[in-house]
């Protein structure tokens, strides 16, 4: 097992856990470290077996980070929907062009789909339901006009 890969997974997963937990306490850190160590071990073994053969594009990651700014406005939409008790909701399903078409490199295309799906679902009022790779589009459910 590669210690550098394992430590990279551990550090990344621990930071993500702390961001998800939203607070820094010793018990939360300990829980996150234990879970991250288990998942890091599993991930390194999966990589060694060739099951995590993704090639992440830094350009796609940088471009998709713009979705972070949608978190707070979308949270406001959810609060507004709860206040009006769900009445007059304009939410529903919609197709959105998938901005990263298939490439010759299937590993990079798979990573791009995973990144776009994840970042498109970060905002609390929208969620990617399906990706249609052949037609180059995503089916998204959103609350109101989130886009």
Protein backbone atom coordinates (compact mmCIF):
# COMPACT_ATOMS: atom_id res chain seq x y z
CA UNK A 1 0.00 0.00 0.00
CA UNK A 2 1.42 3.38 -1.02
CA UNK A 3 1.76 5.58 2.08
CA UNK A 4 1.67 8.80 0.04
CA UNK A 5 -1.62 7.88 -1.63
CA UNK A 6 -3.05 6.72 1.69
CA UNK A 7 -2.05 9.97 3.43
CA UNK A 8 -3.48 12.01 0.55
CA UNK A 9 -6.80 10.20 0.85
CA UNK A 10 -6.73 10.55 4.64
CA UNK A 11 -6.04 14.29 4.55
CA UNK A 12 -8.62 14.97 1.82
CA UNK A 13 -11.35 12.92 3.48
CA UNK A 14 -10.67 14.43 6.90
CA UNK A 15 -10.94 17.97 5.55
CA UNK A 16 -14.16 17.09 3.73
CA UNK A 17 -15.55 15.54 6.92
CA UNK A 18 -14.76 18.67 8.94
CA UNK A 19 -16.39 20.86 6.29
CA UNK A 20 -19.44 18.61 6.31
CA UNK A 21 -19.65 18.53 10.11
CA UNK A 22 -19.41 22.32 10.23
CA UNK A 23 -17.63 22.45 13.57
CA UNK A 24 -14.27 21.53 15.00
CA UNK A 25 -14.39 19.49 18.19
CA UNK A 26 -12.08 16.71 19.29
CA UNK A 27 -14.78 14.02 19.17
CA UNK A 28 -15.81 15.06 15.65
CA UNK A 29 -12.17 15.12 14.53
CA UNK A 30 -11.54 11.66 16.02
CA UNK A 31 -14.63 10.23 14.33
CA UNK A 32 -13.61 11.77 11.02
CA UNK A 33 -10.05 10.47 11.28
CA UNK A 34 -11.21 6.92 12.01
CA UNK A 35 -13.69 6.95 9.13
CA UNK A 36 -11.15 8.60 6.80
CA UNK A 37 -8.51 5.98 7.68
CA UNK A 38 -10.90 3.14 6.86
CA UNK A 39 -12.03 4.73 3.60
CA UNK A 40 -8.44 5.66 2.65
CA UNK A 41 -7.40 2.04 3.07
CA UNK A 42 -10.34 0.88 0.96
CA UNK A 43 -9.65 3.55 -1.72
CA UNK A 44 -5.96 2.68 -2.03
CA UNK A 45 -6.84 -1.00 -2.42
CA UNK A 46 -9.43 -0.13 -5.07
CA UNK A 47 -6.84 1.98 -6.91
CA UNK A 48 -4.35 -0.87 -6.76
CA UNK A 49 -6.98 -3.20 -8.25
CA UNK A 50 -7.65 -0.70 -11.07
CA UNK A 51 -11.20 0.12 -9.96
CA UNK A 52 -10.60 3.85 -9.52
CA UNK A 53 -9.17 4.58 -12.94
CA UNK A 54 -10.24 8.22 -13.20
CA UNK A 55 -8.19 11.05 -14.66
CA UNK A 56 -9.34 14.30 -13.10
CA UNK A 57 -9.11 17.45 -15.17
CA UNK A 58 -8.00 20.51 -13.17
CA UNK A 59 -9.82 22.71 -15.70
CA UNK A 60 -13.15 20.99 -15.04
CA UNK A 61 -12.68 21.17 -11.27
CA UNK A 62 -11.82 24.88 -11.41
CA UNK A 63 -14.78 25.61 -13.69
CA UNK A 64 -17.21 23.68 -11.51
CA UNK A 65 -16.17 25.39 -8.26
CA UNK A 66 -18.45 28.25 -9.30
CA UNK A 67 -21.37 26.21 -7.97
CA UNK A 68 -20.25 26.93 -4.42
CA UNK A 69 -21.68 30.46 -4.72
CA UNK A 70 -25.14 28.93 -5.32
CA UNK A 71 -25.32 27.29 -1.89
CA UNK A 72 -26.58 30.27 0.12
CA UNK A 73 -29.08 31.65 -2.43
CA UNK A 74 -30.49 28.13 -2.87
CA UNK A 75 -30.74 27.73 0.90
CA UNK A 76 -32.85 30.90 0.84
CA UNK A 77 -35.16 29.28 -1.74
CA UNK A 78 -35.66 26.29 0.53
CA UNK A 79 -36.44 28.51 3.52
CA UNK A 80 -38.94 30.47 1.42
CA UNK A 81 -40.61 27.22 0.29
CA UNK A 82 -40.91 26.01 3.87
CA UNK A 83 -42.36 29.35 4.99
CA UNK A 84 -45.03 29.27 2.27
CA UNK A 85 -45.67 25.62 3.24
CA UNK A 86 -44.82 24.26 -0.19
CA UNK A 87 -47.65 26.08 -1.95
CA UNK A 88 -46.98 27.74 -5.30
CA UNK A 89 -43.70 25.91 -5.71
CA UNK A 90 -42.29 26.27 -9.21
CA UNK A 91 -39.97 23.32 -8.83
CA UNK A 92 -39.74 20.41 -11.20
CA UNK A 93 -37.55 18.50 -13.58
CA UNK A 94 -35.60 20.07 -16.43
CA UNK A 95 -32.99 18.95 -18.95
CA UNK A 96 -29.71 20.87 -18.99
CA UNK A 97 -27.02 20.50 -21.62
CA UNK A 98 -24.12 18.53 -20.23
CA UNK A 99 -21.17 20.88 -20.69
CA UNK A 100 -18.50 18.21 -21.00
CA UNK A 101 -19.17 15.82 -23.89
CA UNK A 102 -17.59 12.38 -24.10
CA UNK A 103 -13.96 12.35 -25.07
CA UNK A 104 -11.68 9.72 -26.50
CA UNK A 105 -10.28 9.24 -22.98
CA UNK A 106 -13.06 7.37 -21.15
CA UNK A 107 -11.31 7.69 -17.78
CA UNK A 108 -11.27 11.48 -18.06
CA UNK A 109 -14.87 11.57 -19.35
CA UNK A 110 -16.00 9.44 -16.38
CA UNK A 111 -14.22 11.78 -13.97
CA UNK A 112 -15.78 14.83 -15.66
CA UNK A 113 -19.26 13.30 -15.33
CA UNK A 114 -18.66 12.55 -11.64
CA UNK A 115 -17.40 16.07 -10.94
CA UNK A 116 -20.22 17.80 -12.81
CA UNK A 117 -22.87 15.57 -11.20
CA UNK A 118 -21.48 16.23 -7.73
CA UNK A 119 -21.07 19.98 -8.13
CA UNK A 120 -24.46 20.36 -9.80
CA UNK A 121 -26.02 18.71 -6.74
CA UNK A 122 -24.14 20.73 -4.09
CA UNK A 123 -26.64 23.57 -4.03
CA UNK A 124 -29.48 22.45 -1.74
CA UNK A 125 -32.30 23.23 -4.14
CA UNK A 126 -31.06 21.21 -7.12
CA UNK A 127 -30.15 17.59 -7.69
CA UNK A 128 -28.88 15.71 -10.73
CA UNK A 129 -31.18 12.75 -11.34
CA UNK A 130 -29.71 11.35 -14.56
CA UNK A 131 -26.96 11.99 -17.10
CA UNK A 132 -27.69 11.13 -20.71
CA UNK A 133 -24.18 10.86 -22.14
CA UNK A 134 -25.37 10.02 -25.65
CA UNK A 135 -27.39 13.23 -25.96
CA UNK A 136 -25.03 15.32 -23.81
CA UNK A 137 -27.52 16.45 -21.17
CA UNK A 138 -28.46 16.08 -17.49
CA UNK A 139 -31.90 15.71 -15.92
CA UNK A 140 -32.03 18.00 -12.89
CA UNK A 141 -34.74 18.42 -10.30
CA UNK A 142 -34.73 21.87 -8.78
CA UNK A 143 -36.85 23.95 -6.47
CA UNK A 144 -37.93 27.01 -8.39
CA UNK A 145 -35.73 28.54 -11.04
CA UNK A 146 -32.33 27.52 -9.70
CA UNK A 147 -30.51 27.97 -12.83
